Amino acid sequence: VSLWVGAAVAGCASVRILVRRRGRFRFKRDEDPFPLVM
């Protein structure tokens, strides 16, 4: 049940991300990628 509930919550979050593609979690072009890669 916990996995199904979590999957439903994650699915709703994914829909929100797709709807708000230009939201606050968008990537920044001028950001240094080195820390993320490391």
PDB file of all heavy atoms in Angstrom:
ATOM      1  N   VAL A   1       0.841  -1.206   0.000  1.00  0.00           N
ATOM      2  CA  VAL A   1       0.000   0.000   0.000  1.00  0.00           C
ATOM      3  C   VAL A   1       0.873   1.253   0.000  1.00  0.00           C
ATOM      4  O   VAL A   1       0.579   2.228  -0.700  1.00  0.00           O
ATOM      5  CB  VAL A   1      -0.951  -0.002   1.209  1.00  0.00           C
ATOM      6  CG1 VAL A   1      -1.732   1.316   1.285  1.00  0.00           C
ATOM      7  CG2 VAL A   1      -1.922  -1.172   1.131  1.00  0.00           C
ATOM      8  N   SER A   2       1.970   1.241   0.779  1.00  0.00           N
ATOM      9  CA  SER A   2       2.844   2.418   0.841  1.00  0.00           C
ATOM     10  C   SER A   2       3.461   2.714  -0.514  1.00  0.00           C
ATOM     11  O   SER A   2       3.597   3.873  -0.907  1.00  0.00           O
ATOM     12  CB  SER A   2       3.943   2.210   1.889  1.00  0.00           C
ATOM     13  OG  SER A   2       4.885   1.234   1.464  1.00  0.00           O
ATOM     14  N   LEU A   3       3.834   1.662  -1.247  1.00  0.00           N
ATOM     15  CA  LEU A   3       4.422   1.865  -2.569  1.00  0.00           C
ATOM     16  C   LEU A   3       3.398   2.416  -3.551  1.00  0.00           C
ATOM     17  O   LEU A   3       3.707   3.291  -4.363  1.00  0.00           O
ATOM     18  CB  LEU A   3       5.006   0.552  -3.077  1.00  0.00           C
ATOM     19  CG  LEU A   3       6.269   0.078  -2.361  1.00  0.00           C
ATOM     20  CD1 LEU A   3       6.602  -1.372  -2.728  1.00  0.00           C
ATOM     21  CD2 LEU A   3       7.454   0.980  -2.701  1.00  0.00           C
ATOM     22  N   TRP A   4       2.166   1.926  -3.491  1.00  0.00           N
ATOM     23  CA  TRP A   4       1.129   2.438  -4.376  1.00  0.00           C
ATOM     24  C   TRP A   4       0.786   3.886  -4.044  1.00  0.00           C
ATOM     25  O   TRP A   4       0.614   4.721  -4.955  1.00  0.00           O
ATOM     26  CB  TRP A   4      -0.124   1.566  -4.291  1.00  0.00           C
ATOM     27  CG  TRP A   4      -0.038   0.314  -5.111  1.00  0.00           C
ATOM     28  CD1 TRP A   4      -0.004  -0.975  -4.660  1.00  0.00           C
ATOM     29  CD2 TRP A   4       0.019   0.231  -6.542  1.00  0.00           C
ATOM     30  NE1 TRP A   4       0.095  -1.860  -5.695  1.00  0.00           N
ATOM     31  CE2 TRP A   4       0.106  -1.153  -6.878  1.00  0.00           C
ATOM     32  CE3 TRP A   4       0.032   1.167  -7.575  1.00  0.00           C
ATOM     33  CZ2 TRP A   4       0.184  -1.586  -8.198  1.00  0.00           C
ATOM     34  CZ3 TRP A   4       0.107   0.726  -8.892  1.00  0.00           C
ATOM     35  CH2 TRP A   4       0.178  -0.632  -9.188  1.00  0.00           C
ATOM     36  N   VAL A   5       0.679   4.204  -2.765  1.00  0.00           N
ATOM     37  CA  VAL A   5       0.399   5.591  -2.362  1.00  0.00           C
ATOM     38  C   VAL A   5       1.543   6.504  -2.798  1.00  0.00           C
ATOM     39  O   VAL A   5       1.319   7.597  -3.334  1.00  0.00           O
ATOM     40  CB  VAL A   5       0.172   5.684  -0.841  1.00  0.00           C
ATOM     41  CG1 VAL A   5       0.085   7.146  -0.381  1.00  0.00           C
ATOM     42  CG2 VAL A   5      -1.098   4.943  -0.448  1.00  0.00           C
ATOM     43  N   GLY A   6       2.780   6.059  -2.561  1.00  0.00           N
ATOM     44  CA  GLY A   6       3.928   6.852  -2.976  1.00  0.00           C
ATOM     45  C   GLY A   6       3.968   7.052  -4.477  1.00  0.00           C
ATOM     46  O   GLY A   6       4.282   8.151  -4.968  1.00  0.00           O
ATOM     47  N   ALA A   7       3.638   6.002  -5.237  1.00  0.00           N
ATOM     48  CA  ALA A   7       3.619   6.116  -6.697  1.00  0.00           C
ATOM     49  C   ALA A   7       2.561   7.120  -7.147  1.00  0.00           C
ATOM     50  O   ALA A   7       2.793   7.888  -8.101  1.00  0.00           O
ATOM     51  CB  ALA A   7       3.356   4.752  -7.325  1.00  0.00           C
ATOM     52  N   ALA A   8       1.414   7.129  -6.470  1.00  0.00           N
ATOM     53  CA  ALA A   8       0.365   8.091  -6.820  1.00  0.00           C
ATOM     54  C   ALA A   8       0.827   9.519  -6.536  1.00  0.00           C
ATOM     55  O   ALA A   8       0.606  10.436  -7.339  1.00  0.00           O
ATOM     56  CB  ALA A   8      -0.911   7.770  -6.040  1.00  0.00           C
ATOM     57  N   VAL A   9       1.476   9.714  -5.390  1.00  0.00           N
ATOM     58  CA  VAL A   9       1.987  11.043  -5.037  1.00  0.00           C
ATOM     59  C   VAL A   9       3.054  11.485  -6.029  1.00  0.00           C
ATOM     60  O   VAL A   9       3.053  12.625  -6.509  1.00  0.00           O
ATOM     61  CB  VAL A   9       2.558  11.035  -3.602  1.00  0.00           C
ATOM     62  CG1 VAL A   9       3.262  12.350  -3.296  1.00  0.00           C
ATOM     63  CG2 VAL A   9       1.441  10.791  -2.591  1.00  0.00           C
ATOM     64  N   ALA A  10       3.968  10.572  -6.368  1.00  0.00           N
ATOM     65  CA  ALA A  10       5.018  10.892  -7.335  1.00  0.00           C
ATOM     66  C   ALA A  10       4.431  11.188  -8.707  1.00  0.00           C
ATOM     67  O   ALA A  10       4.910  12.074  -9.429  1.00  0.00           O
ATOM     68  CB  ALA A  10       6.019   9.740  -7.423  1.00  0.00           C
ATOM     69  N   GLY A  11       3.374  10.451  -9.079  1.00  0.00           N
ATOM     70  CA  GLY A  11       2.726  10.706 -10.359  1.00  0.00           C
ATOM     71  C   GLY A  11       2.106  12.085 -10.428  1.00  0.00           C
ATOM     72  O   GLY A  11       2.231  12.788 -11.438  1.00  0.00           O
ATOM     73  N   CYS A  12       1.447  12.491  -9.355  1.00  0.00           N
ATOM     74  CA  CYS A  12       0.869  13.842  -9.299  1.00  0.00           C
ATOM     75  C   CYS A  12       1.966  14.908  -9.400  1.00  0.00           C
ATOM     76  O   CYS A  12       1.794  15.932 -10.065  1.00  0.00           O
ATOM     77  CB  CYS A  12       0.070  14.020  -8.012  1.00  0.00           C
ATOM     78  SG  CYS A  12      -1.414  13.000  -7.917  1.00  0.00           S
ATOM     79  N   ALA A  13       3.096  14.652  -8.736  1.00  0.00           N
ATOM     80  CA  ALA A  13       4.214  15.600  -8.806  1.00  0.00           C
ATOM     81  C   ALA A  13       4.772  15.674 -10.219  1.00  0.00           C
ATOM     82  O   ALA A  13       5.136  16.755 -10.702  1.00  0.00           O
ATOM     83  CB  ALA A  13       5.310  15.190  -7.822  1.00  0.00           C
ATOM     84  N   SER A  14       4.823  14.530 -10.915  1.00  0.00           N
ATOM     85  CA  SER A  14       5.325  14.522 -12.286  1.00  0.00           C
ATOM     86  C   SER A  14       4.422  15.328 -13.203  1.00  0.00           C
ATOM     87  O   SER A  14       4.903  16.072 -14.083  1.00  0.00           O
ATOM     88  CB  SER A  14       5.429  13.077 -12.797  1.00  0.00           C
ATOM     89  OG  SER A  14       6.303  12.320 -11.991  1.00  0.00           O
ATOM     90  N   VAL A  15       3.104  15.196 -13.022  1.00  0.00           N
ATOM     91  CA  VAL A  15       2.161  15.982 -13.816  1.00  0.00           C
ATOM     92  C   VAL A  15       2.374  17.472 -13.559  1.00  0.00           C
ATOM     93  O   VAL A  15       2.368  18.289 -14.485  1.00  0.00           O
ATOM     94  CB  VAL A  15       0.712  15.573 -13.490  1.00  0.00           C
ATOM     95  CG1 VAL A  15      -0.279  16.526 -14.154  1.00  0.00           C
ATOM     96  CG2 VAL A  15       0.451  14.147 -13.934  1.00  0.00           C
ATOM     97  N   ARG A  16       2.581  17.809 -12.314  1.00  0.00           N
ATOM     98  CA  ARG A  16       2.814  19.224 -11.967  1.00  0.00           C
ATOM     99  C   ARG A  16       4.079  19.755 -12.634  1.00  0.00           C
ATOM    100  O   ARG A  16       4.122  20.894 -13.108  1.00  0.00           O
ATOM    101  CB  ARG A  16       2.923  19.368 -10.448  1.00  0.00           C
ATOM    102  CG  ARG A  16       3.186  20.788  -9.976  1.00  0.00           C
ATOM    103  CD  ARG A  16       3.117  20.854  -8.451  1.00  0.00           C
ATOM    104  NE  ARG A  16       3.421  22.197  -8.002  1.00  0.00           N
ATOM    105  CZ  ARG A  16       4.623  22.632  -7.670  1.00  0.00           C
ATOM    106  NH1 ARG A  16       5.659  21.802  -7.762  1.00  0.00           N
ATOM    107  NH2 ARG A  16       4.832  23.859  -7.267  1.00  0.00           N
ATOM    108  N   ILE A  17       5.134  18.925 -12.673  1.00  0.00           N
ATOM    109  CA  ILE A  17       6.381  19.340 -13.323  1.00  0.00           C
ATOM    110  C   ILE A  17       6.152  19.568 -14.820  1.00  0.00           C
ATOM    111  O   ILE A  17       6.630  20.548 -15.396  1.00  0.00           O
ATOM    112  CB  ILE A  17       7.479  18.284 -13.106  1.00  0.00           C
ATOM    113  CG1 ILE A  17       7.865  18.209 -11.631  1.00  0.00           C
ATOM    114  CG2 ILE A  17       8.714  18.605 -13.935  1.00  0.00           C
ATOM    115  CD1 ILE A  17       8.808  17.078 -11.297  1.00  0.00           C
ATOM    116  N   LEU A  18       5.405  18.659 -15.440  1.00  0.00           N
ATOM    117  CA  LEU A  18       5.159  18.792 -16.874  1.00  0.00           C
ATOM    118  C   LEU A  18       4.312  20.020 -17.186  1.00  0.00           C
ATOM    119  O   LEU A  18       4.533  20.703 -18.191  1.00  0.00           O
ATOM    120  CB  LEU A  18       4.460  17.527 -17.395  1.00  0.00           C
ATOM    121  CG  LEU A  18       5.297  16.245 -17.379  1.00  0.00           C
ATOM    122  CD1 LEU A  18       4.450  15.053 -17.791  1.00  0.00           C
ATOM    123  CD2 LEU A  18       6.499  16.390 -18.312  1.00  0.00           C
ATOM    124  N   VAL A  19       3.343  20.304 -16.324  1.00  0.00           N
ATOM    125  CA  VAL A  19       2.479  21.459 -16.541  1.00  0.00           C
ATOM    126  C   VAL A  19       3.236  22.759 -16.334  1.00  0.00           C
ATOM    127  O   VAL A  19       3.042  23.744 -17.053  1.00  0.00           O
ATOM    128  CB  VAL A  19       1.251  21.388 -15.606  1.00  0.00           C
ATOM    129  CG1 VAL A  19       0.449  22.686 -15.668  1.00  0.00           C
ATOM    130  CG2 VAL A  19       0.371  20.206 -15.984  1.00  0.00           C
ATOM    131  N   ARG A  20       4.127  22.750 -15.357  1.00  0.00           N
ATOM    132  CA  ARG A  20       4.880  23.959 -15.022  1.00  0.00           C
ATOM    133  C   ARG A  20       6.350  23.780 -15.403  1.00  0.00           C
ATOM    134  O   ARG A  20       7.242  23.832 -14.572  1.00  0.00           O
ATOM    135  CB  ARG A  20       4.735  24.269 -13.541  1.00  0.00           C
ATOM    136  CG  ARG A  20       3.289  24.428 -13.088  1.00  0.00           C
ATOM    137  CD  ARG A  20       3.223  24.821 -11.640  1.00  0.00           C
ATOM    138  NE  ARG A  20       3.850  26.108 -11.428  1.00  0.00           N
ATOM    139  CZ  ARG A  20       3.982  26.686 -10.214  1.00  0.00           C
ATOM    140  NH1 ARG A  20       3.534  26.070  -9.155  1.00  0.00           N
ATOM    141  NH2 ARG A  20       4.575  27.846 -10.107  1.00  0.00           N
ATOM    142  N   ARG A  21       6.606  23.561 -16.660  1.00  0.00           N
ATOM    143  CA  ARG A  21       7.980  23.314 -17.126  1.00  0.00           C
ATOM    144  C   ARG A  21       8.911  24.486 -16.882  1.00  0.00           C
ATOM    145  O   ARG A  21      10.112  24.318 -16.739  1.00  0.00           O
ATOM    146  CB  ARG A  21       7.969  22.985 -18.618  1.00  0.00           C
ATOM    147  CG  ARG A  21       7.379  21.627 -18.944  1.00  0.00           C
ATOM    148  CD  ARG A  21       7.347  21.401 -20.428  1.00  0.00           C
ATOM    149  NE  ARG A  21       6.513  22.381 -21.113  1.00  0.00           N
ATOM    150  CZ  ARG A  21       6.391  22.465 -22.429  1.00  0.00           C
ATOM    151  NH1 ARG A  21       7.075  21.637 -23.195  1.00  0.00           N
ATOM    152  NH2 ARG A  21       5.610  23.371 -22.973  1.00  0.00           N
ATOM    153  N   ARG A  22       8.351  25.664 -16.834  1.00  0.00           N
ATOM    154  CA  ARG A  22       9.176  26.841 -16.617  1.00  0.00           C
ATOM    155  C   ARG A  22       9.075  27.320 -15.166  1.00  0.00           C
ATOM    156  O   ARG A  22       9.239  28.509 -14.874  1.00  0.00           O
ATOM    157  CB  ARG A  22       8.759  27.961 -17.569  1.00  0.00           C
ATOM    158  CG  ARG A  22       8.940  27.596 -19.020  1.00  0.00           C
ATOM    159  CD  ARG A  22       8.464  28.712 -19.925  1.00  0.00           C
ATOM    160  NE  ARG A  22       9.231  29.926 -19.702  1.00  0.00           N
ATOM    161  CZ  ARG A  22      10.410  30.182 -20.257  1.00  0.00           C
ATOM    162  NH1 ARG A  22      10.954  29.293 -21.072  1.00  0.00           N
ATOM    163  NH2 ARG A  22      11.053  31.314 -20.018  1.00  0.00           N
ATOM    164  N   GLY A  23       8.830  26.394 -14.254  1.00  0.00           N
ATOM    165  CA  GLY A  23       8.660  26.749 -12.846  1.00  0.00           C
ATOM    166  C   GLY A  23       9.972  26.978 -12.145  1.00  0.00           C
ATOM    167  O   GLY A  23      11.040  27.107 -12.730  1.00  0.00           O
ATOM    168  N   ARG A  24       9.902  26.940 -10.830  1.00  0.00           N
ATOM    169  CA  ARG A  24      11.047  27.343 -10.013  1.00  0.00           C
ATOM    170  C   ARG A  24      12.192  26.332 -10.025  1.00  0.00           C
ATOM    171  O   ARG A  24      13.273  26.622  -9.588  1.00  0.00           O
ATOM    172  CB  ARG A  24      10.594  27.567  -8.570  1.00  0.00           C
ATOM    173  CG  ARG A  24      10.071  26.319  -7.892  1.00  0.00           C
ATOM    174  CD  ARG A  24       9.374  26.618  -6.590  1.00  0.00           C
ATOM    175  NE  ARG A  24       8.130  27.314  -6.850  1.00  0.00           N
ATOM    176  CZ  ARG A  24       7.208  27.536  -5.919  1.00  0.00           C
ATOM    177  NH1 ARG A  24       7.414  27.129  -4.688  1.00  0.00           N
ATOM    178  NH2 ARG A  24       6.095  28.170  -6.207  1.00  0.00           N
ATOM    179  N   PHE A  25      11.964  25.116 -10.533  1.00  0.00           N
ATOM    180  CA  PHE A  25      13.023  24.115 -10.572  1.00  0.00           C
ATOM    181  C   PHE A  25      13.706  24.047 -11.937  1.00  0.00           C
ATOM    182  O   PHE A  25      14.364  23.078 -12.249  1.00  0.00           O
ATOM    183  CB  PHE A  25      12.444  22.736 -10.220  1.00  0.00           C
ATOM    184  CG  PHE A  25      12.428  22.482  -8.749  1.00  0.00           C
ATOM    185  CD1 PHE A  25      11.605  23.202  -7.920  1.00  0.00           C
ATOM    186  CD2 PHE A  25      13.254  21.525  -8.180  1.00  0.00           C
ATOM    187  CE1 PHE A  25      11.580  22.966  -6.571  1.00  0.00           C
ATOM    188  CE2 PHE A  25      13.230  21.285  -6.830  1.00  0.00           C
ATOM    189  CZ  PHE A  25      12.385  22.011  -6.016  1.00  0.00           C
ATOM    190  N   ARG A  26      13.532  25.066 -12.778  1.00  0.00           N
ATOM    191  CA  ARG A  26      14.163  25.048 -14.086  1.00  0.00           C
ATOM    192  C   ARG A  26      15.691  25.158 -13.961  1.00  0.00           C
ATOM    193  O   ARG A  26      16.210  25.759 -13.034  1.00  0.00           O
ATOM    194  CB  ARG A  26      13.632  26.185 -14.956  1.00  0.00           C
ATOM    195  CG  ARG A  26      13.938  27.571 -14.437  1.00  0.00           C
ATOM    196  CD  ARG A  26      13.335  28.625 -15.373  1.00  0.00           C
ATOM    197  NE  ARG A  26      13.635  29.966 -14.916  1.00  0.00           N
ATOM    198  CZ  ARG A  26      12.886  30.634 -14.071  1.00  0.00           C
ATOM    199  NH1 ARG A  26      11.801  30.075 -13.554  1.00  0.00           N
ATOM    200  NH2 ARG A  26      13.206  31.863 -13.693  1.00  0.00           N
ATOM    201  N   PHE A  27      16.385  24.587 -14.921  1.00  0.00           N
ATOM    202  CA  PHE A  27      17.841  24.633 -14.929  1.00  0.00           C
ATOM    203  C   PHE A  27      18.318  26.036 -15.328  1.00  0.00           C
ATOM    204  O   PHE A  27      17.658  26.751 -16.054  1.00  0.00           O
ATOM    205  CB  PHE A  27      18.413  23.610 -15.902  1.00  0.00           C
ATOM    206  CG  PHE A  27      18.251  22.190 -15.439  1.00  0.00           C
ATOM    207  CD1 PHE A  27      18.536  21.139 -16.305  1.00  0.00           C
ATOM    208  CD2 PHE A  27      17.822  21.903 -14.154  1.00  0.00           C
ATOM    209  CE1 PHE A  27      18.392  19.836 -15.883  1.00  0.00           C
ATOM    210  CE2 PHE A  27      17.686  20.594 -13.735  1.00  0.00           C
ATOM    211  CZ  PHE A  27      17.970  19.563 -14.602  1.00  0.00           C
ATOM    212  N   LYS A  28      19.504  26.371 -14.865  1.00  0.00           N
ATOM    213  CA  LYS A  28      20.086  27.676 -15.160  1.00  0.00           C
ATOM    214  C   LYS A  28      21.238  27.489 -16.143  1.00  0.00           C
ATOM    215  O   LYS A  28      22.146  26.702 -15.908  1.00  0.00           O
ATOM    216  CB  LYS A  28      20.597  28.328 -13.870  1.00  0.00           C
ATOM    217  CG  LYS A  28      19.508  28.498 -12.816  1.00  0.00           C
ATOM    218  CD  LYS A  28      20.095  28.995 -11.505  1.00  0.00           C
ATOM    219  CE  LYS A  28      19.032  29.096 -10.432  1.00  0.00           C
ATOM    220  NZ  LYS A  28      19.598  29.532  -9.136  1.00  0.00           N
ATOM    221  N   ARG A  29      21.180  28.233 -17.239  1.00  0.00           N
ATOM    222  CA  ARG A  29      22.174  28.059 -18.277  1.00  0.00           C
ATOM    223  C   ARG A  29      23.557  28.501 -17.832  1.00  0.00           C
ATOM    224  O   ARG A  29      24.562  27.979 -18.293  1.00  0.00           O
ATOM    225  CB  ARG A  29      21.746  28.856 -19.524  1.00  0.00           C
ATOM    226  CG  ARG A  29      20.485  28.307 -20.181  1.00  0.00           C
ATOM    227  CD  ARG A  29      20.138  29.110 -21.418  1.00  0.00           C
ATOM    228  NE  ARG A  29      18.938  28.596 -22.067  1.00  0.00           N
ATOM    229  CZ  ARG A  29      18.402  29.128 -23.153  1.00  0.00           C
ATOM    230  NH1 ARG A  29      18.971  30.203 -23.712  1.00  0.00           N
ATOM    231  NH2 ARG A  29      17.310  28.610 -23.673  1.00  0.00           N
ATOM    232  N   ASP A  30      23.618  29.499 -16.946  1.00  0.00           N
ATOM    233  CA  ASP A  30      24.919  30.016 -16.530  1.00  0.00           C
ATOM    234  C   ASP A  30      25.484  29.285 -15.316  1.00  0.00           C
ATOM    235  O   ASP A  30      26.466  29.709 -14.730  1.00  0.00           O
ATOM    236  CB  ASP A  30      24.805  31.510 -16.213  1.00  0.00           C
ATOM    237  CG  ASP A  30      23.783  31.787 -15.122  1.00  0.00           C
ATOM    238  OD1 ASP A  30      22.965  30.887 -14.842  1.00  0.00           O
ATOM    239  OD2 ASP A  30      23.807  32.903 -14.557  1.00  0.00           O
ATOM    240  N   GLU A  31      24.876  28.167 -14.944  1.00  0.00           N
ATOM    241  CA  GLU A  31      25.312  27.443 -13.753  1.00  0.00           C
ATOM    242  C   GLU A  31      26.478  26.515 -14.086  1.00  0.00           C
ATOM    243  O   GLU A  31      26.480  25.841 -15.117  1.00  0.00           O
ATOM    244  CB  GLU A  31      24.131  26.631 -13.202  1.00  0.00           C
ATOM    245  CG  GLU A  31      24.414  25.959 -11.866  1.00  0.00           C
ATOM    246  CD  GLU A  31      23.185  25.240 -11.360  1.00  0.00           C
ATOM    247  OE1 GLU A  31      22.087  25.813 -11.441  1.00  0.00           O
ATOM    248  OE2 GLU A  31      23.330  24.095 -10.900  1.00  0.00           O
ATOM    249  N   ASP A  32      27.451  26.471 -13.197  1.00  0.00           N
ATOM    250  CA  ASP A  32      28.617  25.614 -13.379  1.00  0.00           C
ATOM    251  C   ASP A  32      28.195  24.148 -13.211  1.00  0.00           C
ATOM    252  O   ASP A  32      27.731  23.760 -12.134  1.00  0.00           O
ATOM    253  CB  ASP A  32      29.687  25.990 -12.350  1.00  0.00           C
ATOM    254  CG  ASP A  32      30.979  25.203 -12.536  1.00  0.00           C
ATOM    255  OD1 ASP A  32      31.049  24.389 -13.484  1.00  0.00           O
ATOM    256  OD2 ASP A  32      31.905  25.394 -11.732  1.00  0.00           O
ATOM    257  N   PRO A  33      28.341  23.311 -14.247  1.00  0.00           N
ATOM    258  CA  PRO A  33      27.904  21.913 -14.125  1.00  0.00           C
ATOM    259  C   PRO A  33      28.882  21.030 -13.360  1.00  0.00           C
ATOM    260  O   PRO A  33      28.554  19.891 -13.023  1.00  0.00           O
ATOM    261  CB  PRO A  33      27.815  21.457 -15.589  1.00  0.00           C
ATOM    262  CG  PRO A  33      28.848  22.279 -16.292  1.00  0.00           C
ATOM    263  CD  PRO A  33      28.860  23.618 -15.591  1.00  0.00           C
ATOM    264  N   PHE A  34      30.091  21.531 -13.068  1.00  0.00           N
ATOM    265  CA  PHE A  34      31.128  20.689 -12.465  1.00  0.00           C
ATOM    266  C   PHE A  34      30.699  20.081 -11.114  1.00  0.00           C
ATOM    267  O   PHE A  34      30.895  18.876 -10.910  1.00  0.00           O
ATOM    268  CB  PHE A  34      32.421  21.485 -12.290  1.00  0.00           C
ATOM    269  CG  PHE A  34      33.548  20.690 -11.702  1.00  0.00           C
ATOM    270  CD1 PHE A  34      34.247  19.772 -12.468  1.00  0.00           C
ATOM    271  CD2 PHE A  34      33.898  20.840 -10.369  1.00  0.00           C
ATOM    272  CE1 PHE A  34      35.281  19.020 -11.930  1.00  0.00           C
ATOM    273  CE2 PHE A  34      34.928  20.098  -9.806  1.00  0.00           C
ATOM    274  CZ  PHE A  34      35.616  19.186 -10.594  1.00  0.00           C
ATOM    275  N   PRO A  35      30.126  20.863 -10.173  1.00  0.00           N
ATOM    276  CA  PRO A  35      29.736  20.249  -8.890  1.00  0.00           C
ATOM    277  C   PRO A  35      28.729  19.121  -9.056  1.00  0.00           C
ATOM    278  O   PRO A  35      28.842  18.079  -8.387  1.00  0.00           O
ATOM    279  CB  PRO A  35      29.134  21.425  -8.111  1.00  0.00           C
ATOM    280  CG  PRO A  35      29.735  22.637  -8.723  1.00  0.00           C
ATOM    281  CD  PRO A  35      29.902  22.316 -10.170  1.00  0.00           C
ATOM    282  N   LEU A  36      27.750  19.307  -9.959  1.00  0.00           N
ATOM    283  CA  LEU A  36      26.755  18.256 -10.174  1.00  0.00           C
ATOM    284  C   LEU A  36      27.399  17.008 -10.764  1.00  0.00           C
ATOM    285  O   LEU A  36      27.120  15.882 -10.328  1.00  0.00           O
ATOM    286  CB  LEU A  36      25.642  18.770 -11.086  1.00  0.00           C
ATOM    287  CG  LEU A  36      24.543  17.759 -11.447  1.00  0.00           C
ATOM    288  CD1 LEU A  36      23.867  17.232 -10.191  1.00  0.00           C
ATOM    289  CD2 LEU A  36      23.528  18.380 -12.390  1.00  0.00           C
ATOM    290  N   VAL A  37      28.269  17.190 -11.742  1.00  0.00           N
ATOM    291  CA  VAL A  37      28.940  16.051 -12.373  1.00  0.00           C
ATOM    292  C   VAL A  37      29.787  15.296 -11.349  1.00  0.00           C
ATOM    293  O   VAL A  37      29.762  14.058 -11.279  1.00  0.00           O
ATOM    294  CB  VAL A  37      29.808  16.519 -13.553  1.00  0.00           C
ATOM    295  CG1 VAL A  37      30.663  15.367 -14.087  1.00  0.00           C
ATOM    296  CG2 VAL A  37      28.933  17.084 -14.665  1.00  0.00           C
ATOM    297  N   MET A  38      30.540  16.032 -10.532  1.00  0.00           N
ATOM    298  CA  MET A  38      31.379  15.387  -9.522  1.00  0.00           C
ATOM    299  C   MET A  38      30.547  14.677  -8.465  1.00  0.00           C
ATOM    300  O   MET A  38      30.901  13.584  -8.012  1.00  0.00           O
ATOM    301  CB  MET A  38      32.290  16.434  -8.874  1.00  0.00           C
ATOM    302  CG  MET A  38      33.417  16.925  -9.768  1.00  0.00           C
ATOM    303  SD  MET A  38      34.477  15.565 -10.350  1.00  0.00           S
ATOM    304  CE  MET A  38      35.071  14.893  -8.794  1.00  0.00           C
TER     305      MET A  38
END
